[in-house]
Amino acid sequence: MNSNTALNSNLKFECQRCSKKQIVTDYSTGEIFCASCGFVIDEKANHSGYESSFDNEQKNTRRTGAPITLSRNDFGLSTVINSENIDVHGKSIPFAFSSTVKRIRIQDAKSRLAKHS
């Protein structure tokens, strides 16, 4: 366990999967999980505000994401579908799947236009 995790010894509940009471809270991700089997019990966000990341000396601050804003219809949390035919790992998308990706891009563009009008 590192400094971002803590064993919840004062909790009275046990894992739903293995029935052990080794419940751990990871404060960096906000997850509560079983240390024995790895089952994620609760997957929650720590907070929904502005988030910063610091190095060990806490001198180099940098943003890790845009803040949530009520001025946009999607609260500034939209997904951007790239126009290149590559996946998240940088590999090219197979030709058989390219027509599906094209339909997803068209639907995404239509939904953005519908939200803004």
C-alpha atoms as a PDB file:
ATOM      1  CA  MET A   1       0.000   0.000   0.000  1.00  0.00           C
ATOM      2  CA  ASN A   2       1.239   3.486  -0.767  1.00  0.00           C
ATOM      3  CA  SER A   3       0.419   6.870   0.756  1.00  0.00           C
ATOM      4  CA  ASN A   4      -2.738   7.161  -1.371  1.00  0.00           C
ATOM      5  CA  THR A   5      -4.326   3.965  -0.034  1.00  0.00           C
ATOM      6  CA  ALA A   6      -5.551   2.997   3.424  1.00  0.00           C
ATOM      7  CA  LEU A   7      -6.886  -0.230   4.882  1.00  0.00           C
ATOM      8  CA  ASN A   8     -10.372   0.381   6.256  1.00  0.00           C
ATOM      9  CA  SER A   9     -10.066  -1.523   9.533  1.00  0.00           C
ATOM     10  CA  ASN A  10     -12.946   0.328  11.176  1.00  0.00           C
ATOM     11  CA  LEU A  11     -15.505  -0.657   8.533  1.00  0.00           C
ATOM     12  CA  LYS A  12     -17.980  -3.386   9.409  1.00  0.00           C
ATOM     13  CA  PHE A  13     -18.655  -4.714   5.894  1.00  0.00           C
ATOM     14  CA  GLU A  14     -16.965  -7.431   3.893  1.00  0.00           C
ATOM     15  CA  CYS A  15     -16.279  -8.134   0.229  1.00  0.00           C
ATOM     16  CA  GLN A  16     -19.309  -9.349  -1.720  1.00  0.00           C
ATOM     17  CA  ARG A  17     -17.167 -11.717  -3.768  1.00  0.00           C
ATOM     18  CA  CYS A  18     -14.715 -13.365  -1.315  1.00  0.00           C
ATOM     19  CA  SER A  19     -16.329 -12.447   2.066  1.00  0.00           C
ATOM     20  CA  LYS A  20     -13.047 -11.121   3.510  1.00  0.00           C
ATOM     21  CA  LYS A  21     -12.815  -7.852   5.426  1.00  0.00           C
ATOM     22  CA  GLN A  22      -9.684  -6.478   3.720  1.00  0.00           C
ATOM     23  CA  ILE A  23     -11.329  -3.363   2.298  1.00  0.00           C
ATOM     24  CA  VAL A  24      -8.988  -0.654   0.982  1.00  0.00           C
ATOM     25  CA  THR A  25      -9.696   2.948  -0.044  1.00  0.00           C
ATOM     26  CA  ASP A  26      -7.563   4.443  -2.826  1.00  0.00           C
ATOM     27  CA  TYR A  27      -7.761   8.192  -2.284  1.00  0.00           C
ATOM     28  CA  SER A  28      -6.103   9.072  -5.607  1.00  0.00           C
ATOM     29  CA  THR A  29      -8.859   7.385  -7.656  1.00  0.00           C
ATOM     30  CA  GLY A  30     -11.670   7.396  -5.102  1.00  0.00           C
ATOM     31  CA  GLU A  31     -12.128   3.635  -5.387  1.00  0.00           C
ATOM     32  CA  ILE A  32     -12.948   1.297  -2.523  1.00  0.00           C
ATOM     33  CA  PHE A  33     -11.842  -2.272  -3.243  1.00  0.00           C
ATOM     34  CA  CYS A  34     -11.000  -5.623  -1.682  1.00  0.00           C
ATOM     35  CA  ALA A  35      -7.265  -6.129  -1.083  1.00  0.00           C
ATOM     36  CA  SER A  36      -7.727  -9.897  -1.190  1.00  0.00           C
ATOM     37  CA  CYS A  37      -9.471 -10.453  -4.541  1.00  0.00           C
ATOM     38  CA  GLY A  38      -9.346  -6.970  -6.152  1.00  0.00           C
ATOM     39  CA  PHE A  39     -13.125  -6.580  -6.450  1.00  0.00           C
ATOM     40  CA  VAL A  40     -14.089  -2.883  -6.765  1.00  0.00           C
ATOM     41  CA  ILE A  41     -16.808  -2.161  -4.204  1.00  0.00           C
ATOM     42  CA  ASP A  42     -17.364   1.529  -4.907  1.00  0.00           C
ATOM     43  CA  GLU A  43     -16.142   3.615  -7.799  1.00  0.00           C
ATOM     44  CA  LYS A  44     -16.719   7.244  -6.881  1.00  0.00           C
ATOM     45  CA  ALA A  45     -15.177  10.575  -7.736  1.00  0.00           C
ATOM     46  CA  ASN A  46     -13.431  12.392  -4.903  1.00  0.00           C
ATOM     47  CA  HIS A  47     -14.801  15.739  -6.037  1.00  0.00           C
ATOM     48  CA  SER A  48     -16.100  17.283  -9.217  1.00  0.00           C
ATOM     49  CA  GLY A  49     -14.153  20.521  -9.112  1.00  0.00           C
ATOM     50  CA  TYR A  50     -10.833  21.690 -10.496  1.00  0.00           C
ATOM     51  CA  GLU A  51      -8.061  19.157 -10.054  1.00  0.00           C
ATOM     52  CA  SER A  52      -4.329  19.769  -9.898  1.00  0.00           C
ATOM     53  CA  SER A  53      -1.366  17.471  -9.898  1.00  0.00           C
ATOM     54  CA  PHE A  54       1.829  18.168  -7.967  1.00  0.00           C
ATOM     55  CA  ASP A  55       5.328  16.761  -8.011  1.00  0.00           C
ATOM     56  CA  ASN A  56       7.050  15.650  -4.804  1.00  0.00           C
ATOM     57  CA  GLU A  57       8.118  19.172  -3.835  1.00  0.00           C
ATOM     58  CA  GLN A  58       4.686  20.546  -4.826  1.00  0.00           C
ATOM     59  CA  LYS A  59       6.334  23.322  -6.821  1.00  0.00           C
ATOM     60  CA  ASN A  60       5.379  22.270 -10.337  1.00  0.00           C
ATOM     61  CA  THR A  61       1.603  22.547 -10.484  1.00  0.00           C
ATOM     62  CA  ARG A  62      -0.196  21.637 -13.692  1.00  0.00           C
ATOM     63  CA  ARG A  63      -3.798  21.031 -14.620  1.00  0.00           C
ATOM     64  CA  THR A  64      -4.949  17.504 -15.188  1.00  0.00           C
ATOM     65  CA  GLY A  65      -8.195  18.412 -16.884  1.00  0.00           C
ATOM     66  CA  ALA A  66     -10.533  21.228 -17.692  1.00  0.00           C
ATOM     67  CA  PRO A  67     -12.877  22.302 -14.919  1.00  0.00           C
ATOM     68  CA  ILE A  68     -16.542  21.398 -15.184  1.00  0.00           C
ATOM     69  CA  THR A  69     -18.517  24.339 -16.502  1.00  0.00           C
ATOM     70  CA  LEU A  70     -22.249  24.945 -16.533  1.00  0.00           C
ATOM     71  CA  SER A  71     -21.946  27.260 -19.546  1.00  0.00           C
ATOM     72  CA  ARG A  72     -21.689  24.288 -21.921  1.00  0.00           C
ATOM     73  CA  ASN A  73     -24.477  21.824 -22.538  1.00  0.00           C
ATOM     74  CA  ASP A  74     -22.216  18.846 -21.837  1.00  0.00           C
ATOM     75  CA  PHE A  75     -20.577  20.549 -18.824  1.00  0.00           C
ATOM     76  CA  GLY A  76     -17.286  20.620 -20.751  1.00  0.00           C
ATOM     77  CA  LEU A  77     -16.961  16.825 -20.570  1.00  0.00           C
ATOM     78  CA  SER A  78     -17.508  15.943 -24.215  1.00  0.00           C
ATOM     79  CA  THR A  79     -15.762  13.092 -25.993  1.00  0.00           C
ATOM     80  CA  VAL A  80     -13.821  13.971 -29.127  1.00  0.00           C
ATOM     81  CA  ILE A  81     -13.750  11.316 -31.841  1.00  0.00           C
ATOM     82  CA  ASN A  82     -10.625  11.725 -33.940  1.00  0.00           C
ATOM     83  CA  SER A  83     -10.943  11.821 -37.722  1.00  0.00           C
ATOM     84  CA  GLU A  84      -7.890   9.602 -38.232  1.00  0.00           C
ATOM     85  CA  ASN A  85      -8.462   5.875 -38.646  1.00  0.00           C
ATOM     86  CA  ILE A  86      -6.349   4.849 -35.662  1.00  0.00           C
ATOM     87  CA  ASP A  87      -7.348   3.362 -32.322  1.00  0.00           C
ATOM     88  CA  VAL A  88      -6.299   4.449 -28.837  1.00  0.00           C
ATOM     89  CA  HIS A  89      -3.051   2.465 -29.120  1.00  0.00           C
ATOM     90  CA  GLY A  90      -2.034   4.107 -32.419  1.00  0.00           C
ATOM     91  CA  LYS A  91      -2.803   1.053 -34.549  1.00  0.00           C
ATOM     92  CA  SER A  92      -4.843   1.427 -37.718  1.00  0.00           C
ATOM     93  CA  ILE A  93      -8.511   0.454 -37.534  1.00  0.00           C
ATOM     94  CA  PRO A  94      -9.315  -2.681 -39.593  1.00  0.00           C
ATOM     95  CA  PHE A  95     -11.153  -2.013 -42.848  1.00  0.00           C
ATOM     96  CA  ALA A  96     -14.108  -4.179 -41.769  1.00  0.00           C
ATOM     97  CA  PHE A  97     -14.652  -1.900 -38.757  1.00  0.00           C
ATOM     98  CA  SER A  98     -14.096   1.414 -40.584  1.00  0.00           C
ATOM     99  CA  SER A  99     -17.722   1.733 -41.750  1.00  0.00           C
ATOM    100  CA  THR A 100     -18.910   1.379 -38.141  1.00  0.00           C
ATOM    101  CA  VAL A 101     -16.454   4.060 -37.014  1.00  0.00           C
ATOM    102  CA  LYS A 102     -17.685   6.329 -39.822  1.00  0.00           C
ATOM    103  CA  ARG A 103     -21.302   5.928 -38.644  1.00  0.00           C
ATOM    104  CA  ILE A 104     -20.235   6.727 -35.066  1.00  0.00           C
ATOM    105  CA  ARG A 105     -18.476   9.903 -36.259  1.00  0.00           C
ATOM    106  CA  ILE A 106     -21.563  11.014 -38.205  1.00  0.00           C
ATOM    107  CA  GLN A 107     -23.824  10.385 -35.199  1.00  0.00           C
ATOM    108  CA  ASP A 108     -21.393  12.277 -32.945  1.00  0.00           C
ATOM    109  CA  ALA A 109     -21.395  15.274 -35.300  1.00  0.00           C
ATOM    110  CA  LYS A 110     -25.207  15.261 -35.461  1.00  0.00           C
ATOM    111  CA  SER A 111     -25.508  15.114 -31.674  1.00  0.00           C
ATOM    112  CA  ARG A 112     -23.146  18.075 -31.258  1.00  0.00           C
ATOM    113  CA  LEU A 113     -25.194  20.124 -33.711  1.00  0.00           C
ATOM    114  CA  ALA A 114     -28.468  19.159 -32.023  1.00  0.00           C
ATOM    115  CA  LYS A 115     -27.143  20.166 -28.591  1.00  0.00           C
ATOM    116  CA  HIS A 116     -25.981  23.579 -29.775  1.00  0.00           C
ATOM    117  CA  SER A 117     -29.157  24.566 -31.614  1.00  0.00           C
END
